[in-house]
Amino acid sequence: SISAGSSTSYANSVKGRFTISRDN
């Protein structure tokens, strides 16, 4: 997930492999 302020969090199973980002 990624907040409106671009703070991110990840499931342990994907941490370090997946990256979430956004283009408002």
PDB file of all heavy atoms in Angstrom:
ATOM      1  N   SER A   1       0.842  -1.192   0.000  1.00  0.00           N
ATOM      2  CA  SER A   1       0.000   0.000   0.000  1.00  0.00           C
ATOM      3  C   SER A   1       0.877   1.243   0.000  1.00  0.00           C
ATOM      4  O   SER A   1       2.047   1.203   0.423  1.00  0.00           O
ATOM      5  CB  SER A   1      -0.941   0.009   1.205  1.00  0.00           C
ATOM      6  OG  SER A   1      -0.220   0.101   2.408  1.00  0.00           O
ATOM      7  N   ILE A   2       0.290   2.324  -0.472  1.00  0.00           N
ATOM      8  CA  ILE A   2       0.987   3.604  -0.510  1.00  0.00           C
ATOM      9  C   ILE A   2      -0.004   4.689  -0.112  1.00  0.00           C
ATOM     10  O   ILE A   2      -1.100   4.778  -0.670  1.00  0.00           O
ATOM     11  CB  ILE A   2       1.616   3.862  -1.900  1.00  0.00           C
ATOM     12  CG1 ILE A   2       2.417   5.164  -1.901  1.00  0.00           C
ATOM     13  CG2 ILE A   2       0.577   3.828  -3.013  1.00  0.00           C
ATOM     14  CD1 ILE A   2       3.313   5.307  -3.126  1.00  0.00           C
ATOM     15  N   SER A   3       0.390   5.498   0.859  1.00  0.00           N
ATOM     16  CA  SER A   3      -0.497   6.542   1.363  1.00  0.00           C
ATOM     17  C   SER A   3      -0.507   7.748   0.431  1.00  0.00           C
ATOM     18  O   SER A   3       0.279   7.834  -0.521  1.00  0.00           O
ATOM     19  CB  SER A   3      -0.040   6.972   2.757  1.00  0.00           C
ATOM     20  OG  SER A   3       1.165   7.725   2.653  1.00  0.00           O
ATOM     21  N   ALA A   4      -1.383   8.691   0.735  1.00  0.00           N
ATOM     22  CA  ALA A   4      -1.433   9.925  -0.043  1.00  0.00           C
ATOM     23  C   ALA A   4      -0.099  10.666   0.028  1.00  0.00           C
ATOM     24  O   ALA A   4       0.282  11.343  -0.927  1.00  0.00           O
ATOM     25  CB  ALA A   4      -2.564  10.807   0.473  1.00  0.00           C
ATOM     26  N   GLY A   5       0.604  10.499   1.122  1.00  0.00           N
ATOM     27  CA  GLY A   5       1.912  11.119   1.267  1.00  0.00           C
ATOM     28  C   GLY A   5       3.065  10.256   0.817  1.00  0.00           C
ATOM     29  O   GLY A   5       4.222  10.572   1.072  1.00  0.00           O
ATOM     30  N   SER A   6       2.729   9.133   0.146  1.00  0.00           N
ATOM     31  CA  SER A   6       3.710   8.203  -0.433  1.00  0.00           C
ATOM     32  C   SER A   6       4.477   7.378   0.594  1.00  0.00           C
ATOM     33  O   SER A   6       5.556   6.866   0.280  1.00  0.00           O
ATOM     34  CB  SER A   6       4.675   8.921  -1.381  1.00  0.00           C
ATOM     35  OG  SER A   6       3.966   9.396  -2.514  1.00  0.00           O
ATOM     36  N   SER A   7       3.928   7.219   1.791  1.00  0.00           N
ATOM     37  CA  SER A   7       4.487   6.225   2.706  1.00  0.00           C
ATOM     38  C   SER A   7       4.040   4.849   2.239  1.00  0.00           C
ATOM     39  O   SER A   7       2.896   4.674   1.832  1.00  0.00           O
ATOM     40  CB  SER A   7       3.984   6.478   4.127  1.00  0.00           C
ATOM     41  OG  SER A   7       4.450   7.711   4.607  1.00  0.00           O
ATOM     42  N   THR A   8       4.950   3.892   2.300  1.00  0.00           N
ATOM     43  CA  THR A   8       4.658   2.567   1.757  1.00  0.00           C
ATOM     44  C   THR A   8       4.748   1.492   2.830  1.00  0.00           C
ATOM     45  O   THR A   8       5.451   1.651   3.838  1.00  0.00           O
ATOM     46  CB  THR A   8       5.625   2.214   0.620  1.00  0.00           C
ATOM     47  OG1 THR A   8       6.970   2.254   1.134  1.00  0.00           O
ATOM     48  CG2 THR A   8       5.512   3.191  -0.531  1.00  0.00           C
ATOM     49  N   SER A   9       4.025   0.417   2.595  1.00  0.00           N
ATOM     50  CA  SER A   9       4.141  -0.765   3.437  1.00  0.00           C
ATOM     51  C   SER A   9       3.964  -1.995   2.570  1.00  0.00           C
ATOM     52  O   SER A   9       3.323  -1.928   1.508  1.00  0.00           O
ATOM     53  CB  SER A   9       3.119  -0.754   4.568  1.00  0.00           C
ATOM     54  OG  SER A   9       1.811  -0.837   4.052  1.00  0.00           O
ATOM     55  N   TYR A  10       4.559  -3.112   3.012  1.00  0.00           N
ATOM     56  CA  TYR A  10       4.595  -4.326   2.208  1.00  0.00           C
ATOM     57  C   TYR A  10       4.328  -5.555   3.067  1.00  0.00           C
ATOM     58  O   TYR A  10       4.692  -5.604   4.247  1.00  0.00           O
ATOM     59  CB  TYR A  10       5.964  -4.491   1.553  1.00  0.00           C
ATOM     60  CG  TYR A  10       6.323  -3.363   0.613  1.00  0.00           C
ATOM     61  CD1 TYR A  10       7.021  -2.251   1.064  1.00  0.00           C
ATOM     62  CD2 TYR A  10       5.950  -3.412  -0.723  1.00  0.00           C
ATOM     63  CE1 TYR A  10       7.342  -1.211   0.203  1.00  0.00           C
ATOM     64  CE2 TYR A  10       6.258  -2.382  -1.592  1.00  0.00           C
ATOM     65  CZ  TYR A  10       6.952  -1.278  -1.120  1.00  0.00           C
ATOM     66  OH  TYR A  10       7.262  -0.253  -1.978  1.00  0.00           O
ATOM     67  N   ALA A  11       3.731  -6.552   2.443  1.00  0.00           N
ATOM     68  CA  ALA A  11       3.640  -7.858   3.085  1.00  0.00           C
ATOM     69  C   ALA A  11       5.049  -8.430   3.225  1.00  0.00           C
ATOM     70  O   ALA A  11       5.925  -8.189   2.381  1.00  0.00           O
ATOM     71  CB  ALA A  11       2.777  -8.791   2.248  1.00  0.00           C
ATOM     72  N   ASN A  12       5.267  -9.188   4.279  1.00  0.00           N
ATOM     73  CA  ASN A  12       6.606  -9.756   4.498  1.00  0.00           C
ATOM     74  C   ASN A  12       7.066 -10.605   3.315  1.00  0.00           C
ATOM     75  O   ASN A  12       8.255 -10.650   3.003  1.00  0.00           O
ATOM     76  CB  ASN A  12       6.612 -10.590   5.770  1.00  0.00           C
ATOM     77  CG  ASN A  12       6.570  -9.736   7.026  1.00  0.00           C
ATOM     78  OD1 ASN A  12       6.964  -8.583   7.015  1.00  0.00           O
ATOM     79  ND2 ASN A  12       6.074 -10.308   8.109  1.00  0.00           N
ATOM     80  N   SER A  13       6.118 -11.251   2.662  1.00  0.00           N
ATOM     81  CA  SER A  13       6.464 -12.167   1.583  1.00  0.00           C
ATOM     82  C   SER A  13       7.027 -11.459   0.344  1.00  0.00           C
ATOM     83  O   SER A  13       7.659 -12.102  -0.498  1.00  0.00           O
ATOM     84  CB  SER A  13       5.247 -13.000   1.186  1.00  0.00           C
ATOM     85  OG  SER A  13       4.184 -12.162   0.777  1.00  0.00           O
ATOM     86  N   VAL A  14       6.799 -10.148   0.234  1.00  0.00           N
ATOM     87  CA  VAL A  14       7.266  -9.430  -0.963  1.00  0.00           C
ATOM     88  C   VAL A  14       8.268  -8.333  -0.623  1.00  0.00           C
ATOM     89  O   VAL A  14       8.817  -7.701  -1.534  1.00  0.00           O
ATOM     90  CB  VAL A  14       6.087  -8.827  -1.755  1.00  0.00           C
ATOM     91  CG1 VAL A  14       5.054  -9.896  -2.070  1.00  0.00           C
ATOM     92  CG2 VAL A  14       5.454  -7.652  -1.020  1.00  0.00           C
ATOM     93  N   LYS A  15       8.501  -8.103   0.652  1.00  0.00           N
ATOM     94  CA  LYS A  15       9.384  -7.024   1.073  1.00  0.00           C
ATOM     95  C   LYS A  15      10.777  -7.221   0.472  1.00  0.00           C
ATOM     96  O   LYS A  15      11.331  -8.322   0.504  1.00  0.00           O
ATOM     97  CB  LYS A  15       9.448  -6.995   2.594  1.00  0.00           C
ATOM     98  CG  LYS A  15       9.869  -5.675   3.189  1.00  0.00           C
ATOM     99  CD  LYS A  15       9.664  -5.680   4.701  1.00  0.00           C
ATOM    100  CE  LYS A  15       8.218  -5.707   5.085  1.00  0.00           C
ATOM    101  NZ  LYS A  15       8.000  -5.608   6.557  1.00  0.00           N
ATOM    102  N   GLY A  16      11.306  -6.146  -0.109  1.00  0.00           N
ATOM    103  CA  GLY A  16      12.621  -6.206  -0.735  1.00  0.00           C
ATOM    104  C   GLY A  16      12.589  -6.630  -2.193  1.00  0.00           C
ATOM    105  O   GLY A  16      13.593  -6.523  -2.900  1.00  0.00           O
ATOM    106  N   ARG A  17      11.437  -7.113  -2.657  1.00  0.00           N
ATOM    107  CA  ARG A  17      11.313  -7.546  -4.062  1.00  0.00           C
ATOM    108  C   ARG A  17      10.323  -6.675  -4.845  1.00  0.00           C
ATOM    109  O   ARG A  17      10.501  -6.471  -6.046  1.00  0.00           O
ATOM    110  CB  ARG A  17      10.847  -9.003  -4.128  1.00  0.00           C
ATOM    111  CG  ARG A  17      11.781  -9.977  -3.457  1.00  0.00           C
ATOM    112  CD  ARG A  17      11.366 -11.428  -3.724  1.00  0.00           C
ATOM    113  NE  ARG A  17      10.044 -11.741  -3.172  1.00  0.00           N
ATOM    114  CZ  ARG A  17       9.012 -12.171  -3.898  1.00  0.00           C
ATOM    115  NH1 ARG A  17       9.129 -12.329  -5.209  1.00  0.00           N
ATOM    116  NH2 ARG A  17       7.856 -12.446  -3.311  1.00  0.00           N
ATOM    117  N   PHE A  18       9.279  -6.203  -4.173  1.00  0.00           N
ATOM    118  CA  PHE A  18       8.237  -5.403  -4.830  1.00  0.00           C
ATOM    119  C   PHE A  18       8.351  -3.953  -4.381  1.00  0.00           C
ATOM    120  O   PHE A  18       8.727  -3.667  -3.241  1.00  0.00           O
ATOM    121  CB  PHE A  18       6.852  -5.915  -4.452  1.00  0.00           C
ATOM    122  CG  PHE A  18       6.479  -7.253  -5.032  1.00  0.00           C
ATOM    123  CD1 PHE A  18       7.403  -8.076  -5.658  1.00  0.00           C
ATOM    124  CD2 PHE A  18       5.161  -7.705  -4.925  1.00  0.00           C
ATOM    125  CE1 PHE A  18       7.037  -9.304  -6.186  1.00  0.00           C
ATOM    126  CE2 PHE A  18       4.781  -8.931  -5.440  1.00  0.00           C
ATOM    127  CZ  PHE A  18       5.722  -9.736  -6.072  1.00  0.00           C
ATOM    128  N   THR A  19       7.993  -3.051  -5.291  1.00  0.00           N
ATOM    129  CA  THR A  19       7.968  -1.617  -4.977  1.00  0.00           C
ATOM    130  C   THR A  19       6.679  -1.008  -5.500  1.00  0.00           C
ATOM    131  O   THR A  19       6.368  -1.126  -6.691  1.00  0.00           O
ATOM    132  CB  THR A  19       9.167  -0.894  -5.600  1.00  0.00           C
ATOM    133  OG1 THR A  19      10.388  -1.485  -5.146  1.00  0.00           O
ATOM    134  CG2 THR A  19       9.164   0.577  -5.215  1.00  0.00           C
ATOM    135  N   ILE A  20       5.937  -0.359  -4.616  1.00  0.00           N
ATOM    136  CA  ILE A  20       4.719   0.341  -5.004  1.00  0.00           C
ATOM    137  C   ILE A  20       5.030   1.821  -5.169  1.00  0.00           C
ATOM    138  O   ILE A  20       5.825   2.388  -4.409  1.00  0.00           O
ATOM    139  CB  ILE A  20       3.592   0.107  -3.970  1.00  0.00           C
ATOM    140  CG1 ILE A  20       2.253   0.650  -4.470  1.00  0.00           C
ATOM    141  CG2 ILE A  20       3.960   0.681  -2.603  1.00  0.00           C
ATOM    142  CD1 ILE A  20       1.068   0.259  -3.590  1.00  0.00           C
ATOM    143  N   SER A  21       4.417   2.433  -6.173  1.00  0.00           N
ATOM    144  CA  SER A  21       4.601   3.862  -6.405  1.00  0.00           C
ATOM    145  C   SER A  21       3.329   4.430  -7.008  1.00  0.00           C
ATOM    146  O   SER A  21       2.424   3.681  -7.388  1.00  0.00           O
ATOM    147  CB  SER A  21       5.802   4.117  -7.314  1.00  0.00           C
ATOM    148  OG  SER A  21       5.615   3.508  -8.585  1.00  0.00           O
ATOM    149  N   ARG A  22       3.262   5.749  -7.105  1.00  0.00           N
ATOM    150  CA  ARG A  22       2.053   6.388  -7.629  1.00  0.00           C
ATOM    151  C   ARG A  22       2.420   7.611  -8.437  1.00  0.00           C
ATOM    152  O   ARG A  22       3.456   8.248  -8.212  1.00  0.00           O
ATOM    153  CB  ARG A  22       1.116   6.755  -6.478  1.00  0.00           C
ATOM    154  CG  ARG A  22       1.655   7.801  -5.528  1.00  0.00           C
ATOM    155  CD  ARG A  22       0.781   7.907  -4.261  1.00  0.00           C
ATOM    156  NE  ARG A  22      -0.570   8.343  -4.593  1.00  0.00           N
ATOM    157  CZ  ARG A  22      -1.635   8.105  -3.821  1.00  0.00           C
ATOM    158  NH1 ARG A  22      -1.490   7.431  -2.685  1.00  0.00           N
ATOM    159  NH2 ARG A  22      -2.822   8.553  -4.183  1.00  0.00           N
ATOM    160  N   ASP A  23       1.530   7.938  -9.374  1.00  0.00           N
ATOM    161  CA  ASP A  23       1.638   9.147 -10.170  1.00  0.00           C
ATOM    162  C   ASP A  23       0.299   9.864 -10.052  1.00  0.00           C
ATOM    163  O   ASP A  23      -0.675   9.497 -10.716  1.00  0.00           O
ATOM    164  CB  ASP A  23       1.957   8.791 -11.623  1.00  0.00           C
ATOM    165  CG  ASP A  23       2.179  10.017 -12.496  1.00  0.00           C
ATOM    166  OD1 ASP A  23       1.715  11.122 -12.130  1.00  0.00           O
ATOM    167  OD2 ASP A  23       2.794   9.880 -13.553  1.00  0.00           O
ATOM    168  N   ASN A  24       0.245  10.867  -9.212  1.00  0.00           N
ATOM    169  CA  ASN A  24      -1.021  11.547  -8.967  1.00  0.00           C
ATOM    170  C   ASN A  24      -1.527  12.302 -10.195  1.00  0.00           C
ATOM    171  O   ASN A  24      -2.738  12.470 -10.369  1.00  0.00           O
ATOM    172  CB  ASN A  24      -0.888  12.512  -7.788  1.00  0.00           C
ATOM    173  CG  ASN A  24      -0.785  11.791  -6.459  1.00  0.00           C
ATOM    174  OD1 ASN A  24      -1.129  10.619  -6.334  1.00  0.00           O
ATOM    175  ND2 ASN A  24      -0.283  12.484  -5.447  1.00  0.00           N
TER     176      ASN A  24
END
